[in-house]
PDB file of N, CA and C in Angstrom:
ATOM      1  N   MET A   1       7.987   9.961 -15.500  1.00  0.00           N
ATOM      2  CA  MET A   1       6.839   9.964 -14.706  1.00  0.00           C
ATOM      3  C   MET A   1       5.698   9.043 -15.551  1.00  0.00           C
ATOM      4  N   PRO A   2       5.692   8.993 -16.812  1.00  0.00           N
ATOM      5  CA  PRO A   2       4.859   7.951 -17.385  1.00  0.00           C
ATOM      6  C   PRO A   2       5.011   6.436 -17.005  1.00  0.00           C
ATOM      7  N   GLU A   3       6.363   6.229 -16.766  1.00  0.00           N
ATOM      8  CA  GLU A   3       6.770   4.841 -16.463  1.00  0.00           C
ATOM      9  C   GLU A   3       6.373   4.543 -15.110  1.00  0.00           C
ATOM     10  N   GLU A   4       6.448   5.466 -14.273  1.00  0.00           N
ATOM     11  CA  GLU A   4       6.036   5.172 -12.863  1.00  0.00           C
ATOM     12  C   GLU A   4       4.494   5.000 -12.905  1.00  0.00           C
ATOM     13  N   LEU A   5       3.787   5.821 -13.611  1.00  0.00           N
ATOM     14  CA  LEU A   5       2.234   5.495 -13.802  1.00  0.00           C
ATOM     15  C   LEU A   5       2.008   4.172 -14.220  1.00  0.00           C
ATOM     16  N   GLU A   6       2.789   3.744 -15.331  1.00  0.00           N
ATOM     17  CA  GLU A   6       2.446   2.396 -15.887  1.00  0.00           C
ATOM     18  C   GLU A   6       2.857   1.212 -14.857  1.00  0.00           C
ATOM     19  N   ILE A   7       3.765   1.468 -13.909  1.00  0.00           N
ATOM     20  CA  ILE A   7       4.102   0.546 -13.036  1.00  0.00           C
ATOM     21  C   ILE A   7       2.806   0.505 -12.006  1.00  0.00           C
ATOM     22  N   PHE A   8       2.522   1.600 -11.537  1.00  0.00           N
ATOM     23  CA  PHE A   8       1.393   1.813 -10.502  1.00  0.00           C
ATOM     24  C   PHE A   8       0.061   0.897 -11.129  1.00  0.00           C
ATOM     25  N   LYS A   9      -0.154   1.112 -12.447  1.00  0.00           N
ATOM     26  CA  LYS A   9      -1.384   0.556 -12.940  1.00  0.00           C
ATOM     27  C   LYS A   9      -1.087  -1.023 -13.030  1.00  0.00           C
ATOM     28  N   LYS A  10       0.031  -1.547 -13.270  1.00  0.00           N
ATOM     29  CA  LYS A  10       0.355  -2.854 -13.177  1.00  0.00           C
ATOM     30  C   LYS A  10       0.093  -3.343 -11.742  1.00  0.00           C
ATOM     31  N   LYS A  11       0.590  -2.666 -10.647  1.00  0.00           N
ATOM     32  CA  LYS A  11       0.443  -3.190  -9.533  1.00  0.00           C
ATOM     33  C   LYS A  11      -1.054  -3.285  -9.003  1.00  0.00           C
ATOM     34  N   LEU A  12      -1.854  -2.268  -9.543  1.00  0.00           N
ATOM     35  CA  LEU A  12      -3.429  -2.317  -9.243  1.00  0.00           C
ATOM     36  C   LEU A  12      -3.877  -3.470  -9.997  1.00  0.00           C
ATOM     37  N   LEU A  13      -3.584  -3.687 -11.227  1.00  0.00           N
ATOM     38  CA  LEU A  13      -4.269  -4.775 -11.944  1.00  0.00           C
ATOM     39  C   LEU A  13      -3.747  -6.019 -11.358  1.00  0.00           C
ATOM     40  N   TYR A  14      -2.548  -6.294 -10.745  1.00  0.00           N
ATOM     41  CA  TYR A  14      -2.019  -7.406  -9.983  1.00  0.00           C
ATOM     42  C   TYR A  14      -2.905  -7.614  -8.710  1.00  0.00           C
ATOM     43  N   ARG A  15      -3.059  -6.444  -8.069  1.00  0.00           N
ATOM     44  CA  ARG A  15      -3.792  -6.502  -6.644  1.00  0.00           C
ATOM     45  C   ARG A  15      -5.310  -6.831  -7.039  1.00  0.00           C
ATOM     46  N   ALA A  16      -5.890  -6.504  -8.132  1.00  0.00           N
ATOM     47  CA  ALA A  16      -7.287  -6.913  -8.658  1.00  0.00           C
ATOM     48  C   ALA A  16      -7.386  -8.326  -9.113  1.00  0.00           C
ATOM     49  N   SER A  17      -6.325  -8.922  -9.514  1.00  0.00           N
ATOM     50  CA  SER A  17      -6.240 -10.137 -10.150  1.00  0.00           C
ATOM     51  C   SER A  17      -6.058 -11.536  -9.194  1.00  0.00           C
ATOM     52  N   TYR A  18      -5.293 -11.233  -8.121  1.00  0.00           N
ATOM     53  CA  TYR A  18      -4.926 -12.101  -7.246  1.00  0.00           C
ATOM     54  C   TYR A  18      -5.504 -11.871  -5.648  1.00  0.00           C
ATOM     55  N   ARG A  19      -6.644 -12.102  -5.533  1.00  0.00           N
ATOM     56  CA  ARG A  19      -7.635 -11.675  -4.458  1.00  0.00           C
ATOM     57  C   ARG A  19      -7.372 -12.834  -3.459  1.00  0.00           C
ATOM     58  N   GLY A  20      -7.675 -14.018  -3.735  1.00  0.00           N
ATOM     59  CA  GLY A  20      -7.892 -15.136  -2.812  1.00  0.00           C
ATOM     60  C   GLY A  20      -9.009 -15.962  -3.289  1.00  0.00           C
ATOM     61  N   THR A  21     -10.038 -15.535  -4.036  1.00  0.00           N
ATOM     62  CA  THR A  21     -11.015 -16.313  -4.329  1.00  0.00           C
ATOM     63  C   THR A  21     -11.114 -15.974  -6.002  1.00  0.00           C
ATOM     64  N   LYS A  22     -11.469 -17.021  -6.639  1.00  0.00           N
ATOM     65  CA  LYS A  22     -11.457 -17.050  -8.193  1.00  0.00           C
ATOM     66  C   LYS A  22     -12.578 -16.003  -8.752  1.00  0.00           C
ATOM     67  N   GLU A  23     -13.723 -16.040  -7.951  1.00  0.00           N
ATOM     68  CA  GLU A  23     -14.905 -15.218  -8.141  1.00  0.00           C
ATOM     69  C   GLU A  23     -14.456 -13.778  -8.189  1.00  0.00           C
ATOM     70  N   MET A  24     -13.660 -13.211  -7.259  1.00  0.00           N
ATOM     71  CA  MET A  24     -13.224 -12.036  -6.966  1.00  0.00           C
ATOM     72  C   MET A  24     -12.144 -11.600  -7.905  1.00  0.00           C
ATOM     73  N   ASP A  25     -11.209 -12.703  -8.260  1.00  0.00           N
ATOM     74  CA  ASP A  25     -10.162 -12.381  -9.125  1.00  0.00           C
ATOM     75  C   ASP A  25     -10.781 -11.989 -10.558  1.00  0.00           C
ATOM     76  N   ILE A  26     -11.846 -12.812 -11.085  1.00  0.00           N
ATOM     77  CA  ILE A  26     -12.377 -12.463 -12.292  1.00  0.00           C
ATOM     78  C   ILE A  26     -13.341 -11.147 -12.351  1.00  0.00           C
ATOM     79  N   LEU A  27     -14.040 -10.863 -11.317  1.00  0.00           N
ATOM     80  CA  LEU A  27     -14.826  -9.759 -11.224  1.00  0.00           C
ATOM     81  C   LEU A  27     -14.004  -8.331 -11.125  1.00  0.00           C
ATOM     82  N   LEU A  28     -13.085  -8.394 -10.107  1.00  0.00           N
ATOM     83  CA  LEU A  28     -12.118  -7.126  -9.976  1.00  0.00           C
ATOM     84  C   LEU A  28     -11.230  -7.049 -11.227  1.00  0.00           C
ATOM     85  N   SER A  29     -10.617  -8.004 -11.622  1.00  0.00           N
ATOM     86  CA  SER A  29      -9.652  -7.848 -12.692  1.00  0.00           C
ATOM     87  C   SER A  29     -10.363  -7.510 -14.032  1.00  0.00           C
ATOM     88  N   SER A  30     -11.675  -8.012 -14.269  1.00  0.00           N
ATOM     89  CA  SER A  30     -12.320  -7.538 -15.372  1.00  0.00           C
ATOM     90  C   SER A  30     -12.822  -5.971 -15.346  1.00  0.00           C
ATOM     91  N   PHE A  31     -13.027  -5.574 -14.256  1.00  0.00           N
ATOM     92  CA  PHE A  31     -13.402  -4.180 -13.878  1.00  0.00           C
ATOM     93  C   PHE A  31     -12.100  -3.209 -14.147  1.00  0.00           C
ATOM     94  N   VAL A  32     -11.176  -3.658 -13.563  1.00  0.00           N
ATOM     95  CA  VAL A  32      -9.859  -2.911 -13.586  1.00  0.00           C
ATOM     96  C   VAL A  32      -9.226  -2.772 -14.968  1.00  0.00           C
ATOM     97  N   LYS A  33      -9.382  -3.949 -15.793  1.00  0.00           N
ATOM     98  CA  LYS A  33      -8.834  -3.904 -17.155  1.00  0.00           C
ATOM     99  C   LYS A  33      -9.786  -2.940 -17.831  1.00  0.00           C
ATOM    100  N   LEU A  34     -11.003  -3.070 -17.792  1.00  0.00           N
ATOM    101  CA  LEU A  34     -11.910  -2.186 -18.595  1.00  0.00           C
ATOM    102  C   LEU A  34     -11.753  -0.492 -18.298  1.00  0.00           C
ATOM    103  N   TYR A  35     -11.535  -0.249 -17.143  1.00  0.00           N
ATOM    104  CA  TYR A  35     -11.406   1.236 -16.660  1.00  0.00           C
ATOM    105  C   TYR A  35     -10.061   1.844 -16.334  1.00  0.00           C
ATOM    106  N   ILE A  36      -8.914   1.175 -16.260  1.00  0.00           N
ATOM    107  CA  ILE A  36      -7.689   1.496 -15.726  1.00  0.00           C
ATOM    108  C   ILE A  36      -7.228   2.608 -16.585  1.00  0.00           C
ATOM    109  N   ASP A  37      -7.340   2.480 -17.997  1.00  0.00           N
ATOM    110  CA  ASP A  37      -6.737   3.578 -18.779  1.00  0.00           C
ATOM    111  C   ASP A  37      -7.704   4.687 -19.009  1.00  0.00           C
ATOM    112  N   LYS A  38      -8.790   4.648 -18.414  1.00  0.00           N
ATOM    113  CA  LYS A  38      -9.850   5.767 -18.365  1.00  0.00           C
ATOM    114  C   LYS A  38      -9.678   6.588 -17.367  1.00  0.00           C
ATOM    115  N   PHE A  39      -9.407   6.033 -16.055  1.00  0.00           N
ATOM    116  CA  PHE A  39      -9.317   6.617 -14.851  1.00  0.00           C
ATOM    117  C   PHE A  39      -8.269   7.782 -14.765  1.00  0.00           C
ATOM    118  N   THR A  40      -8.482   8.990 -14.182  1.00  0.00           N
ATOM    119  CA  THR A  40      -7.564  10.033 -13.720  1.00  0.00           C
ATOM    120  C   THR A  40      -6.715   9.481 -12.768  1.00  0.00           C
ATOM    121  N   ASN A  41      -5.636  10.325 -12.458  1.00  0.00           N
ATOM    122  CA  ASN A  41      -4.680   9.953 -11.419  1.00  0.00           C
ATOM    123  C   ASN A  41      -5.392   9.735 -10.060  1.00  0.00           C
ATOM    124  N   THR A  42      -6.370  10.670  -9.744  1.00  0.00           N
ATOM    125  CA  THR A  42      -7.037  10.750  -8.722  1.00  0.00           C
ATOM    126  C   THR A  42      -8.000   9.405  -8.494  1.00  0.00           C
ATOM    127  N   GLN A  43      -8.590   9.074  -9.643  1.00  0.00           N
ATOM    128  CA  GLN A  43      -9.471   7.848  -9.615  1.00  0.00           C
ATOM    129  C   GLN A  43      -8.420   6.655  -9.431  1.00  0.00           C
ATOM    130  N   LEU A  44      -7.217   6.705  -9.720  1.00  0.00           N
ATOM    131  CA  LEU A  44      -6.409   5.476  -9.722  1.00  0.00           C
ATOM    132  C   LEU A  44      -5.961   5.376  -8.321  1.00  0.00           C
ATOM    133  N   LYS A  45      -5.722   6.495  -7.371  1.00  0.00           N
ATOM    134  CA  LYS A  45      -5.327   6.528  -5.959  1.00  0.00           C
ATOM    135  C   LYS A  45      -6.710   5.891  -5.331  1.00  0.00           C
ATOM    136  N   GLU A  46      -7.990   6.148  -5.728  1.00  0.00           N
ATOM    137  CA  GLU A  46      -9.115   5.731  -5.166  1.00  0.00           C
ATOM    138  C   GLU A  46      -9.268   4.269  -5.377  1.00  0.00           C
ATOM    139  N   LEU A  47      -8.776   3.856  -6.629  1.00  0.00           N
ATOM    140  CA  LEU A  47      -9.025   2.489  -6.924  1.00  0.00           C
ATOM    141  C   LEU A  47      -7.990   1.694  -6.023  1.00  0.00           C
ATOM    142  N   GLU A  48      -6.873   2.286  -5.792  1.00  0.00           N
ATOM    143  CA  GLU A  48      -5.947   1.627  -4.837  1.00  0.00           C
ATOM    144  C   GLU A  48      -6.597   1.404  -3.572  1.00  0.00           C
ATOM    145  N   ARG A  49      -7.223   2.404  -2.919  1.00  0.00           N
ATOM    146  CA  ARG A  49      -7.768   2.341  -1.629  1.00  0.00           C
ATOM    147  C   ARG A  49      -8.993   1.273  -1.743  1.00  0.00           C
ATOM    148  N   PHE A  50      -9.863   1.270  -2.785  1.00  0.00           N
ATOM    149  CA  PHE A  50     -10.867   0.458  -2.975  1.00  0.00           C
ATOM    150  C   PHE A  50     -10.457  -0.899  -3.075  1.00  0.00           C
ATOM    151  N   LEU A  51      -9.365  -1.355  -3.561  1.00  0.00           N
ATOM    152  CA  LEU A  51      -8.790  -2.692  -3.662  1.00  0.00           C
ATOM    153  C   LEU A  51      -8.338  -3.086  -2.219  1.00  0.00           C
ATOM    154  N   HIS A  52      -8.233  -2.198  -1.383  1.00  0.00           N
ATOM    155  CA  HIS A  52      -7.631  -2.600   0.204  1.00  0.00           C
ATOM    156  C   HIS A  52      -8.925  -3.070   0.709  1.00  0.00           C
ATOM    157  N   TYR A  53     -10.011  -3.015   0.461  1.00  0.00           N
ATOM    158  CA  TYR A  53     -11.317  -3.514   1.138  1.00  0.00           C
ATOM    159  C   TYR A  53     -11.062  -5.029   1.011  1.00  0.00           C
ATOM    160  N   GLU A  54     -11.633  -5.768   2.033  1.00  0.00           N
ATOM    161  CA  GLU A  54     -11.615  -7.075   1.970  1.00  0.00           C
ATOM    162  C   GLU A  54     -12.664  -7.566   1.161  1.00  0.00           C
ATOM    163  N   ASP A  55     -12.494  -8.873   0.421  1.00  0.00           N
ATOM    164  CA  ASP A  55     -13.376  -9.274  -0.573  1.00  0.00           C
ATOM    165  C   ASP A  55     -14.843  -9.483  -0.127  1.00  0.00           C
ATOM    166  N   GLU A  56     -15.128  -9.893   1.202  1.00  0.00           N
ATOM    167  CA  GLU A  56     -16.459 -10.050   1.527  1.00  0.00           C
ATOM    168  C   GLU A  56     -17.067  -8.546   1.740  1.00  0.00           C
ATOM    169  N   ILE A  57     -16.385  -7.434   1.928  1.00  0.00           N
ATOM    170  CA  ILE A  57     -16.992  -6.103   1.838  1.00  0.00           C
ATOM    171  C   ILE A  57     -17.333  -5.692   0.552  1.00  0.00           C
ATOM    172  N   ILE A  58     -16.522  -5.953  -0.412  1.00  0.00           N
ATOM    173  CA  ILE A  58     -16.566  -5.635  -1.812  1.00  0.00           C
ATOM    174  C   ILE A  58     -17.821  -6.450  -2.369  1.00  0.00           C
ATOM    175  N   LEU A  59     -17.769  -7.866  -1.962  1.00  0.00           N
ATOM    176  CA  LEU A  59     -18.668  -8.586  -2.649  1.00  0.00           C
ATOM    177  C   LEU A  59     -20.156  -8.216  -2.060  1.00  0.00           C
ATOM    178  N   ASN A  60     -20.175  -7.981  -0.651  1.00  0.00           N
ATOM    179  CA  ASN A  60     -21.465  -7.727  -0.273  1.00  0.00           C
ATOM    180  C   ASN A  60     -22.061  -6.389  -0.612  1.00  0.00           C
ATOM    181  N   PHE A  61     -21.309  -5.418  -1.043  1.00  0.00           N
ATOM    182  CA  PHE A  61     -21.660  -4.142  -1.516  1.00  0.00           C
ATOM    183  C   PHE A  61     -22.111  -4.440  -2.986  1.00  0.00           C
ATOM    184  N   TYR A  62     -21.449  -5.135  -3.755  1.00  0.00           N
ATOM    185  CA  TYR A  62     -21.630  -5.425  -5.293  1.00  0.00           C
ATOM    186  C   TYR A  62     -22.947  -6.011  -5.434  1.00  0.00           C
ATOM    187  N   ASN A  63     -23.170  -7.241  -4.585  1.00  0.00           N
ATOM    188  CA  ASN A  63     -24.239  -8.103  -4.829  1.00  0.00           C
ATOM    189  C   ASN A  63     -25.451  -7.612  -4.130  1.00  0.00           C
ATOM    190  N   TYR A  64     -25.345  -7.198  -2.779  1.00  0.00           N
ATOM    191  CA  TYR A  64     -26.452  -6.701  -1.773  1.00  0.00           C
ATOM    192  C   TYR A  64     -26.800  -5.445  -1.664  1.00  0.00           C
ATOM    193  N   GLY A  65     -25.697  -4.646  -1.806  1.00  0.00           N
ATOM    194  CA  GLY A  65     -25.803  -3.221  -1.382  1.00  0.00           C
ATOM    195  C   GLY A  65     -25.527  -2.914  -0.113  1.00  0.00           C
ATOM    196  N   ILE A  66     -24.846  -3.896   0.692  1.00  0.00           N
ATOM    197  CA  ILE A  66     -24.629  -3.825   2.075  1.00  0.00           C
ATOM    198  C   ILE A  66     -23.234  -2.801   2.160  1.00  0.00           C
ATOM    199  N   ILE A  67     -23.375  -1.849   2.915  1.00  0.00           N
ATOM    200  CA  ILE A  67     -22.394  -0.824   3.094  1.00  0.00           C
ATOM    201  C   ILE A  67     -21.698  -0.948   4.420  1.00  0.00           C
ATOM    202  N   ASN A  68     -20.359  -1.457   4.226  1.00  0.00           N
ATOM    203  CA  ASN A  68     -19.516  -1.709   5.577  1.00  0.00           C
ATOM    204  C   ASN A  68     -18.167  -0.910   5.156  1.00  0.00           C
ATOM    205  N   LYS A  69     -17.796  -0.363   6.164  1.00  0.00           N
ATOM    206  CA  LYS A  69     -16.440   0.418   6.262  1.00  0.00           C
ATOM    207  C   LYS A  69     -16.484   1.501   5.202  1.00  0.00           C
ATOM    208  N   ASN A  70     -17.620   2.241   5.148  1.00  0.00           N
ATOM    209  CA  ASN A  70     -17.759   3.312   4.342  1.00  0.00           C
ATOM    210  C   ASN A  70     -17.306   3.065   2.788  1.00  0.00           C
ATOM    211  N   ILE A  71     -17.508   1.993   2.310  1.00  0.00           N
ATOM    212  CA  ILE A  71     -17.149   1.514   1.006  1.00  0.00           C
ATOM    213  C   ILE A  71     -17.896   2.485   0.026  1.00  0.00           C
ATOM    214  N   ASP A  72     -19.086   3.039   0.396  1.00  0.00           N
ATOM    215  CA  ASP A  72     -19.757   3.844  -0.626  1.00  0.00           C
ATOM    216  C   ASP A  72     -19.111   5.156  -0.696  1.00  0.00           C
ATOM    217  N   LYS A  73     -18.353   5.613   0.042  1.00  0.00           N
ATOM    218  CA  LYS A  73     -17.654   6.838   0.288  1.00  0.00           C
ATOM    219  C   LYS A  73     -16.534   6.959  -0.833  1.00  0.00           C
ATOM    220  N   ASN A  74     -15.911   5.931  -1.306  1.00  0.00           N
ATOM    221  CA  ASN A  74     -14.850   5.869  -2.252  1.00  0.00           C
ATOM    222  C   ASN A  74     -15.633   6.029  -3.608  1.00  0.00           C
ATOM    223  N   GLY A  75     -14.819   6.862  -4.417  1.00  0.00           N
ATOM    224  CA  GLY A  75     -15.545   7.362  -5.756  1.00  0.00           C
ATOM    225  C   GLY A  75     -15.534   6.198  -6.786  1.00  0.00           C
ATOM    226  N   ILE A  76     -14.748   5.202  -6.619  1.00  0.00           N
ATOM    227  CA  ILE A  76     -14.832   4.022  -7.595  1.00  0.00           C
ATOM    228  C   ILE A  76     -16.019   3.230  -7.280  1.00  0.00           C
ATOM    229  N   SER A  77     -16.495   3.202  -6.046  1.00  0.00           N
ATOM    230  CA  SER A  77     -17.598   2.157  -5.683  1.00  0.00           C
ATOM    231  C   SER A  77     -18.849   2.309  -6.473  1.00  0.00           C
ATOM    232  N   LYS A  78     -19.062   3.615  -6.903  1.00  0.00           N
ATOM    233  CA  LYS A  78     -20.532   3.852  -7.690  1.00  0.00           C
ATOM    234  C   LYS A  78     -20.204   3.214  -9.092  1.00  0.00           C
ATOM    235  N   ILE A  79     -18.957   3.511  -9.728  1.00  0.00           N
ATOM    236  CA  ILE A  79     -18.689   2.799 -10.910  1.00  0.00           C
ATOM    237  C   ILE A  79     -18.650   1.309 -10.971  1.00  0.00           C
ATOM    238  N   PHE A  80     -17.991   0.746  -9.863  1.00  0.00           N
ATOM    239  CA  PHE A  80     -17.843  -0.539  -9.728  1.00  0.00           C
ATOM    240  C   PHE A  80     -19.320  -1.215  -9.528  1.00  0.00           C
ATOM    241  N   LYS A  81     -20.071  -0.496  -8.718  1.00  0.00           N
ATOM    242  CA  LYS A  81     -21.610  -1.095  -8.565  1.00  0.00           C
ATOM    243  C   LYS A  81     -22.410  -1.152  -9.894  1.00  0.00           C
ATOM    244  N   GLU A  82     -22.158  -0.417 -10.810  1.00  0.00           N
ATOM    245  CA  GLU A  82     -22.818  -0.458 -12.061  1.00  0.00           C
ATOM    246  C   GLU A  82     -22.081  -1.234 -13.135  1.00  0.00           C
ATOM    247  N   PHE A  83     -20.875  -1.731 -12.816  1.00  0.00           N
ATOM    248  CA  PHE A  83     -20.096  -2.698 -13.800  1.00  0.00           C
ATOM    249  C   PHE A  83     -20.861  -4.039 -13.725  1.00  0.00           C
ATOM    250  N   LYS A  84     -20.912  -4.539 -15.090  1.00  0.00           N
ATOM    251  CA  LYS A  84     -21.313  -5.962 -15.214  1.00  0.00           C
ATOM    252  C   LYS A  84     -20.433  -6.527 -16.048  1.00  0.00           C
ATOM    253  N   ILE A  85     -20.202  -7.867 -15.732  1.00  0.00           N
ATOM    254  CA  ILE A  85     -19.299  -8.658 -16.719  1.00  0.00           C
ATOM    255  C   ILE A  85     -20.041  -9.239 -17.985  1.00  0.00           C
TER     256      ILE A  85
END
Protein backbone atom coordinates (compact mmCIF):
# COMPACT_ATOMS: atom_id res chain seq x y z
CA MET A 1 0.00 0.00 0.00
CA PRO A 2 2.73 2.56 0.78
CA GLU A 3 4.22 1.98 -2.68
CA GLU A 4 0.83 2.66 -4.27
CA LEU A 5 0.56 5.87 -2.27
CA GLU A 6 3.99 7.02 -3.46
CA ILE A 7 3.05 6.30 -7.07
CA PHE A 8 -0.19 8.27 -6.61
CA LYS A 9 1.77 11.21 -5.17
CA LYS A 10 4.18 11.13 -8.11
CA LYS A 11 1.25 11.22 -10.52
CA LEU A 12 -0.20 14.22 -8.71
CA LEU A 13 3.12 16.03 -8.81
CA TYR A 14 3.47 15.27 -12.50
CA ARG A 15 -0.05 16.58 -13.17
CA ALA A 16 0.77 19.77 -11.26
CA SER A 17 4.10 20.25 -13.04
CA TYR A 18 3.01 19.86 -16.65
CA ARG A 19 -0.06 22.03 -17.10
CA GLY A 20 0.57 23.75 -20.40
CA THR A 21 1.70 27.17 -19.22
CA LYS A 22 4.95 27.80 -17.41
CA GLU A 23 3.24 30.03 -14.83
CA MET A 24 0.79 27.32 -13.81
CA ASP A 25 3.54 24.69 -13.84
CA ILE A 26 5.53 26.76 -11.34
CA LEU A 27 2.57 27.75 -9.17
CA LEU A 28 0.93 24.34 -8.88
CA SER A 29 4.12 22.29 -8.66
CA SER A 30 5.41 24.55 -5.87
CA PHE A 31 2.13 24.14 -4.00
CA VAL A 32 2.03 20.38 -4.42
CA LYS A 33 5.69 19.92 -3.44
CA LEU A 34 5.11 21.88 -0.24
CA TYR A 35 1.95 20.07 0.87
CA ILE A 36 1.90 16.61 -0.69
CA ASP A 37 3.52 14.86 2.27
CA LYS A 38 1.34 16.76 4.75
CA PHE A 39 -2.00 15.88 3.15
CA THR A 40 -4.16 13.02 4.35
CA ASN A 41 -5.41 10.41 1.88
CA THR A 42 -8.72 12.28 1.65
CA GLN A 43 -6.92 15.53 0.89
CA LEU A 44 -4.81 13.81 -1.75
CA LYS A 45 -8.00 12.67 -3.49
CA GLU A 46 -9.33 16.22 -3.30
CA LEU A 47 -6.04 17.45 -4.73
CA GLU A 48 -6.48 15.06 -7.63
CA ARG A 49 -9.93 16.52 -8.33
CA PHE A 50 -8.55 20.06 -7.90
CA LEU A 51 -5.86 19.40 -10.50
CA HIS A 52 -8.53 18.43 -13.03
CA TYR A 53 -9.81 22.00 -13.13
CA GLU A 54 -8.70 23.97 -16.16
CA ASP A 55 -5.79 26.36 -15.71
CA GLU A 56 -7.98 29.39 -16.35
CA ILE A 57 -10.42 28.39 -13.60
CA ILE A 58 -7.61 27.82 -11.08
CA LEU A 59 -5.79 31.01 -12.02
CA ASN A 60 -8.93 33.16 -11.88
CA PHE A 61 -9.76 31.70 -8.47
CA TYR A 62 -6.21 32.24 -7.17
CA ASN A 63 -5.70 35.76 -8.51
CA TYR A 64 -9.16 37.28 -8.56
CA GLY A 65 -11.38 35.12 -6.36
CA ILE A 66 -13.60 34.23 -9.32
CA ILE A 67 -15.50 31.03 -8.56
CA ASN A 68 -16.31 28.79 -11.52
CA LYS A 69 -17.39 25.15 -11.54
CA ASN A 70 -17.62 25.09 -7.72
CA ILE A 71 -13.86 25.27 -7.28
CA ASP A 72 -14.46 26.73 -3.82
CA LYS A 73 -16.23 23.53 -2.74
CA ASN A 74 -13.00 21.56 -3.05
CA GLY A 75 -11.21 21.34 0.31
CA ILE A 76 -7.83 22.05 -1.28
CA SER A 77 -8.95 25.36 -2.75
CA LYS A 78 -8.79 27.25 0.56
CA ILE A 79 -5.26 25.99 1.24
CA PHE A 80 -4.26 26.85 -2.32
CA LYS A 81 -5.79 30.33 -2.14
CA GLU A 82 -3.63 31.14 0.92
CA PHE A 83 -0.47 29.71 -0.68
CA LYS A 84 2.21 32.18 -1.75
CA ILE A 85 5.38 31.37 -3.62
